Amino acid sequence: MESAGIAQRTTSPPIGAPAERPAPAERGADLDGRPEPREPRDQRAQAAGRAGALRIARDYVALTKPRIIELLLVTTVPTMILASQGLPSLRLVAVTLVGGFLAAGGANALNMFL
């Protein structure tokens, strides 16, 4: 169609025409032209298993609510210093903090379960 000496071009296919699929770009590519993963299936499965185990571990840690326990442990050390009227032994502080974390974490996890 020409209108006043100007040629009009259309580059899109007519309405209802099937869209052209790109040819596979390289050997081993799927129909969309994306290359297939190069890792063997068993390596991908192992990687997915590791990612799943890491996700499960994160979920278990989240059940203990470590941000809340942090507040408990921050108040524990000054209380120990005041109670001993000086600096308690480093071993006693470490054991108390670890025990407090485990006790509070277990209680929080149990609370989420019930």
N, C-alpha and C. Protein backbone atom coordinates (compact mmCIF):
# COMPACT_ATOMS: atom_id res chain seq x y z
N MET A 1 0.83 -1.17 0.00
CA MET A 1 0.00 0.00 0.00
C MET A 1 0.88 1.24 0.00
N GLU A 2 0.56 2.11 -0.84
CA GLU A 2 1.30 3.36 -0.86
C GLU A 2 0.31 4.50 -0.67
N SER A 3 0.72 5.41 0.16
CA SER A 3 -0.12 6.57 0.40
C SER A 3 0.75 7.80 0.25
N ALA A 4 0.47 8.61 -0.72
CA ALA A 4 1.22 9.83 -1.00
C ALA A 4 2.69 9.54 -1.21
N GLY A 5 3.00 8.45 -1.88
CA GLY A 5 4.38 8.13 -2.21
C GLY A 5 5.18 7.51 -1.08
N ILE A 6 4.56 7.18 0.05
CA ILE A 6 5.27 6.58 1.18
C ILE A 6 4.88 5.12 1.26
N ALA A 7 5.86 4.27 1.21
CA ALA A 7 5.60 2.83 1.28
C ALA A 7 5.46 2.43 2.75
N GLN A 8 4.46 1.64 3.03
CA GLN A 8 4.27 1.17 4.40
C GLN A 8 4.63 -0.31 4.44
N ARG A 9 5.45 -0.66 5.43
CA ARG A 9 5.85 -2.06 5.59
C ARG A 9 5.32 -2.59 6.91
N THR A 10 4.98 -3.82 6.89
CA THR A 10 4.62 -4.50 8.14
C THR A 10 5.61 -5.63 8.34
N THR A 11 6.16 -5.71 9.54
CA THR A 11 7.13 -6.77 9.83
C THR A 11 6.53 -7.87 10.69
N SER A 12 5.40 -7.62 11.29
CA SER A 12 4.80 -8.66 12.13
C SER A 12 3.96 -9.59 11.27
N PRO A 13 3.85 -10.86 11.67
CA PRO A 13 3.04 -11.80 10.90
C PRO A 13 1.57 -11.43 11.02
N PRO A 14 0.78 -11.89 10.10
CA PRO A 14 -0.66 -11.60 10.16
C PRO A 14 -1.26 -12.19 11.44
N ILE A 15 -2.34 -11.61 11.86
CA ILE A 15 -3.01 -12.08 13.07
C ILE A 15 -3.49 -13.51 12.86
N GLY A 16 -3.23 -14.35 13.83
CA GLY A 16 -3.63 -15.74 13.75
C GLY A 16 -2.59 -16.66 13.14
N ALA A 17 -1.52 -16.12 12.59
CA ALA A 17 -0.48 -16.96 12.00
C ALA A 17 0.39 -17.54 13.11
N PRO A 18 0.83 -18.79 12.97
CA PRO A 18 1.66 -19.38 14.03
C PRO A 18 3.00 -18.66 14.13
N ALA A 19 3.46 -18.49 15.34
CA ALA A 19 4.75 -17.83 15.56
C ALA A 19 5.87 -18.79 15.17
N GLU A 20 6.94 -18.24 14.63
CA GLU A 20 8.07 -19.07 14.24
C GLU A 20 8.92 -19.37 15.46
N ARG A 21 9.34 -20.61 15.57
CA ARG A 21 10.21 -21.02 16.68
C ARG A 21 11.65 -20.88 16.23
N PRO A 22 12.50 -20.35 17.08
CA PRO A 22 13.91 -20.25 16.70
C PRO A 22 14.54 -21.63 16.59
N ALA A 23 15.45 -21.76 15.67
CA ALA A 23 16.16 -23.03 15.52
C ALA A 23 17.10 -23.21 16.71
N PRO A 24 17.34 -24.45 17.12
CA PRO A 24 18.28 -24.66 18.22
C PRO A 24 19.63 -24.03 17.90
N ALA A 25 20.16 -23.29 18.86
CA ALA A 25 21.38 -22.52 18.64
C ALA A 25 22.61 -23.43 18.52
N GLU A 26 22.62 -24.50 19.23
CA GLU A 26 23.79 -25.37 19.20
C GLU A 26 23.36 -26.81 19.44
N ARG A 27 24.23 -27.70 19.20
CA ARG A 27 23.92 -29.11 19.41
C ARG A 27 23.65 -29.34 20.89
N GLY A 28 22.64 -30.08 21.22
CA GLY A 28 22.28 -30.35 22.60
C GLY A 28 21.33 -29.32 23.16
N ALA A 29 20.84 -28.40 22.35
CA ALA A 29 19.90 -27.39 22.84
C ALA A 29 18.48 -27.94 22.73
N ASP A 30 17.61 -27.46 23.60
CA ASP A 30 16.23 -27.91 23.53
C ASP A 30 15.48 -27.09 22.47
N LEU A 31 14.19 -27.27 22.38
CA LEU A 31 13.41 -26.62 21.32
C LEU A 31 13.39 -25.10 21.44
N ASP A 32 13.56 -24.57 22.64
CA ASP A 32 13.54 -23.12 22.81
C ASP A 32 14.90 -22.50 22.55
N GLY A 33 15.90 -23.29 22.18
CA GLY A 33 17.22 -22.76 21.89
C GLY A 33 18.11 -22.65 23.12
N ARG A 34 17.60 -23.05 24.29
CA ARG A 34 18.42 -22.99 25.50
C ARG A 34 19.28 -24.24 25.58
N PRO A 35 20.55 -24.11 25.94
CA PRO A 35 21.38 -25.30 26.06
C PRO A 35 20.97 -26.14 27.26
N GLU A 36 21.08 -27.43 27.11
CA GLU A 36 20.75 -28.32 28.22
C GLU A 36 21.84 -28.25 29.27
N PRO A 37 21.51 -28.53 30.53
CA PRO A 37 22.54 -28.53 31.57
C PRO A 37 23.61 -29.56 31.25
N ARG A 38 24.84 -29.23 31.56
CA ARG A 38 25.95 -30.11 31.22
C ARG A 38 26.27 -31.11 32.33
N GLU A 39 25.72 -30.90 33.53
CA GLU A 39 26.00 -31.83 34.63
C GLU A 39 25.19 -33.11 34.44
N PRO A 40 25.78 -34.22 34.79
CA PRO A 40 25.01 -35.47 34.76
C PRO A 40 23.88 -35.41 35.80
N ARG A 41 22.88 -36.20 35.58
CA ARG A 41 21.71 -36.18 36.45
C ARG A 41 22.05 -36.50 37.90
N ASP A 42 22.95 -37.44 38.15
CA ASP A 42 23.25 -37.81 39.53
C ASP A 42 23.93 -36.66 40.28
N GLN A 43 24.75 -35.86 39.59
CA GLN A 43 25.37 -34.71 40.24
C GLN A 43 24.33 -33.64 40.56
N ARG A 44 23.38 -33.46 39.66
CA ARG A 44 22.31 -32.49 39.94
C ARG A 44 21.47 -32.96 41.11
N ALA A 45 21.20 -34.26 41.18
CA ALA A 45 20.41 -34.79 42.29
C ALA A 45 21.16 -34.62 43.61
N GLN A 46 22.47 -34.84 43.60
CA GLN A 46 23.26 -34.65 44.81
C GLN A 46 23.24 -33.19 45.24
N ALA A 47 23.36 -32.28 44.28
CA ALA A 47 23.33 -30.85 44.59
C ALA A 47 21.97 -30.46 45.15
N ALA A 48 20.91 -31.01 44.59
CA ALA A 48 19.57 -30.73 45.10
C ALA A 48 19.40 -31.30 46.50
N GLY A 49 19.98 -32.47 46.76
CA GLY A 49 19.91 -33.06 48.09
C GLY A 49 20.65 -32.22 49.12
N ARG A 50 21.82 -31.69 48.74
CA ARG A 50 22.56 -30.81 49.65
C ARG A 50 21.79 -29.54 49.93
N ALA A 51 21.19 -28.97 48.87
CA ALA A 51 20.41 -27.74 49.05
C ALA A 51 19.19 -28.02 49.94
N GLY A 52 18.58 -29.18 49.76
CA GLY A 52 17.43 -29.54 50.60
C GLY A 52 17.83 -29.75 52.04
N ALA A 53 18.99 -30.37 52.28
CA ALA A 53 19.46 -30.58 53.65
C ALA A 53 19.80 -29.25 54.31
N LEU A 54 20.38 -28.34 53.55
CA LEU A 54 20.71 -27.02 54.09
C LEU A 54 19.43 -26.26 54.44
N ARG A 55 18.43 -26.38 53.59
CA ARG A 55 17.15 -25.72 53.85
C ARG A 55 16.49 -26.29 55.11
N ILE A 56 16.57 -27.60 55.29
CA ILE A 56 15.99 -28.23 56.48
C ILE A 56 16.73 -27.78 57.73
N ALA A 57 18.06 -27.71 57.66
CA ALA A 57 18.83 -27.24 58.81
C ALA A 57 18.46 -25.79 59.16
N ARG A 58 18.30 -24.95 58.14
CA ARG A 58 17.88 -23.56 58.40
C ARG A 58 16.52 -23.51 59.06
N ASP A 59 15.62 -24.38 58.64
CA ASP A 59 14.28 -24.42 59.24
C ASP A 59 14.34 -24.83 60.70
N TYR A 60 15.18 -25.82 61.01
CA TYR A 60 15.32 -26.25 62.41
C TYR A 60 15.90 -25.14 63.27
N VAL A 61 16.89 -24.41 62.73
CA VAL A 61 17.47 -23.29 63.49
C VAL A 61 16.42 -22.20 63.68
N ALA A 62 15.61 -21.96 62.66
CA ALA A 62 14.56 -20.93 62.77
C ALA A 62 13.55 -21.30 63.85
N LEU A 63 13.31 -22.59 64.06
CA LEU A 63 12.38 -23.02 65.11
C LEU A 63 12.87 -22.62 66.50
N THR A 64 14.17 -22.50 66.69
CA THR A 64 14.70 -22.14 68.01
C THR A 64 14.57 -20.65 68.29
N LYS A 65 14.23 -19.85 67.29
CA LYS A 65 14.06 -18.39 67.41
C LYS A 65 15.32 -17.75 67.99
N PRO A 66 16.44 -17.81 67.26
CA PRO A 66 17.71 -17.30 67.81
C PRO A 66 17.70 -15.81 68.10
N ARG A 67 16.89 -15.03 67.43
CA ARG A 67 16.85 -13.58 67.71
C ARG A 67 16.28 -13.31 69.10
N ILE A 68 15.35 -14.11 69.55
CA ILE A 68 14.79 -13.95 70.89
C ILE A 68 15.79 -14.44 71.93
N ILE A 69 16.45 -15.55 71.65
CA ILE A 69 17.43 -16.10 72.58
C ILE A 69 18.59 -15.14 72.76
N GLU A 70 18.92 -14.42 71.71
CA GLU A 70 20.00 -13.42 71.79
C GLU A 70 19.74 -12.43 72.92
N LEU A 71 18.50 -12.00 73.08
CA LEU A 71 18.16 -11.07 74.15
C LEU A 71 18.37 -11.71 75.52
N LEU A 72 18.03 -12.97 75.64
CA LEU A 72 18.23 -13.70 76.89
C LEU A 72 19.71 -13.78 77.24
N LEU A 73 20.53 -14.10 76.25
CA LEU A 73 21.95 -14.28 76.51
C LEU A 73 22.65 -12.95 76.79
N VAL A 74 22.18 -11.87 76.18
CA VAL A 74 22.78 -10.56 76.44
C VAL A 74 22.57 -10.15 77.90
N THR A 75 21.46 -10.51 78.47
CA THR A 75 21.21 -10.17 79.88
C THR A 75 21.86 -11.15 80.84
N THR A 76 22.27 -12.32 80.36
CA THR A 76 22.86 -13.33 81.23
C THR A 76 24.26 -12.93 81.69
N VAL A 77 25.08 -12.44 80.80
CA VAL A 77 26.49 -12.14 81.14
C VAL A 77 26.59 -11.03 82.19
N PRO A 78 25.91 -9.88 82.04
CA PRO A 78 25.99 -8.87 83.10
C PRO A 78 25.48 -9.38 84.46
N THR A 79 24.47 -10.21 84.42
CA THR A 79 23.95 -10.78 85.67
C THR A 79 25.00 -11.67 86.32
N MET A 80 25.72 -12.44 85.53
CA MET A 80 26.78 -13.29 86.08
C MET A 80 27.90 -12.44 86.67
N ILE A 81 28.22 -11.32 86.03
CA ILE A 81 29.27 -10.44 86.53
C ILE A 81 28.85 -9.83 87.87
N LEU A 82 27.60 -9.39 87.96
CA LEU A 82 27.11 -8.82 89.21
C LEU A 82 27.03 -9.87 90.32
N ALA A 83 26.60 -11.08 89.98
CA ALA A 83 26.45 -12.12 90.99
C ALA A 83 27.79 -12.58 91.54
N SER A 84 28.81 -12.62 90.71
CA SER A 84 30.13 -13.08 91.18
C SER A 84 30.97 -11.94 91.75
N GLN A 85 30.45 -10.71 91.68
CA GLN A 85 31.15 -9.52 92.16
C GLN A 85 32.54 -9.41 91.52
N GLY A 86 32.59 -9.65 90.26
CA GLY A 86 33.83 -9.60 89.49
C GLY A 86 33.61 -10.36 88.19
N LEU A 87 34.69 -10.75 87.54
CA LEU A 87 34.58 -11.51 86.30
C LEU A 87 34.54 -13.00 86.59
N PRO A 88 33.49 -13.69 86.17
CA PRO A 88 33.46 -15.15 86.33
C PRO A 88 34.44 -15.79 85.33
N SER A 89 34.74 -17.06 85.53
CA SER A 89 35.67 -17.73 84.62
C SER A 89 35.05 -17.82 83.22
N LEU A 90 35.92 -17.79 82.24
CA LEU A 90 35.47 -17.83 80.85
C LEU A 90 34.75 -19.15 80.55
N ARG A 91 35.22 -20.21 81.15
CA ARG A 91 34.59 -21.52 80.95
C ARG A 91 33.16 -21.52 81.49
N LEU A 92 32.97 -20.93 82.66
CA LEU A 92 31.63 -20.87 83.25
C LEU A 92 30.68 -20.03 82.38
N VAL A 93 31.17 -18.91 81.87
CA VAL A 93 30.35 -18.07 81.00
C VAL A 93 29.98 -18.82 79.72
N ALA A 94 30.95 -19.50 79.10
CA ALA A 94 30.69 -20.24 77.86
C ALA A 94 29.69 -21.37 78.08
N VAL A 95 29.87 -22.13 79.15
CA VAL A 95 28.96 -23.25 79.43
C VAL A 95 27.55 -22.73 79.72
N THR A 96 27.46 -21.62 80.46
CA THR A 96 26.15 -21.04 80.78
C THR A 96 25.45 -20.54 79.52
N LEU A 97 26.21 -19.88 78.63
CA LEU A 97 25.60 -19.37 77.40
C LEU A 97 25.15 -20.50 76.47
N VAL A 98 25.98 -21.51 76.31
CA VAL A 98 25.61 -22.64 75.46
C VAL A 98 24.41 -23.38 76.04
N GLY A 99 24.44 -23.63 77.35
CA GLY A 99 23.31 -24.31 77.99
C GLY A 99 22.04 -23.49 77.91
N GLY A 100 22.15 -22.18 78.10
CA GLY A 100 20.97 -21.31 78.00
C GLY A 100 20.41 -21.29 76.59
N PHE A 101 21.31 -21.26 75.60
CA PHE A 101 20.85 -21.29 74.21
C PHE A 101 20.11 -22.59 73.91
N LEU A 102 20.69 -23.71 74.33
CA LEU A 102 20.05 -25.01 74.04
C LEU A 102 18.73 -25.16 74.77
N ALA A 103 18.67 -24.73 76.03
CA ALA A 103 17.43 -24.86 76.80
C ALA A 103 16.33 -23.97 76.22
N ALA A 104 16.67 -22.72 75.93
CA ALA A 104 15.67 -21.81 75.39
C ALA A 104 15.28 -22.22 73.96
N GLY A 105 16.25 -22.67 73.17
CA GLY A 105 15.94 -23.12 71.80
C GLY A 105 15.03 -24.33 71.80
N GLY A 106 15.29 -25.27 72.71
CA GLY A 106 14.42 -26.45 72.81
C GLY A 106 13.02 -26.07 73.24
N ALA A 107 12.90 -25.14 74.18
CA ALA A 107 11.58 -24.69 74.62
C ALA A 107 10.84 -23.98 73.50
N ASN A 108 11.55 -23.16 72.74
CA ASN A 108 10.90 -22.45 71.61
C ASN A 108 10.46 -23.43 70.53
N ALA A 109 11.28 -24.42 70.22
CA ALA A 109 10.91 -25.41 69.20
C ALA A 109 9.70 -26.23 69.66
N LEU A 110 9.70 -26.60 70.94
CA LEU A 110 8.57 -27.35 71.48
C LEU A 110 7.31 -26.51 71.45
N ASN A 111 7.45 -25.23 71.75
CA ASN A 111 6.30 -24.31 71.71
C ASN A 111 5.73 -24.21 70.28
N MET A 112 6.60 -24.21 69.28
CA MET A 112 6.12 -24.13 67.89
C MET A 112 5.44 -25.45 67.49
N PHE A 113 5.90 -26.56 68.05
CA PHE A 113 5.33 -27.85 67.71
C PHE A 113 3.93 -28.01 68.31
N LEU A 114 3.79 -27.59 69.55
CA LEU A 114 2.51 -27.73 70.23
C LEU A 114 1.62 -26.63 69.80
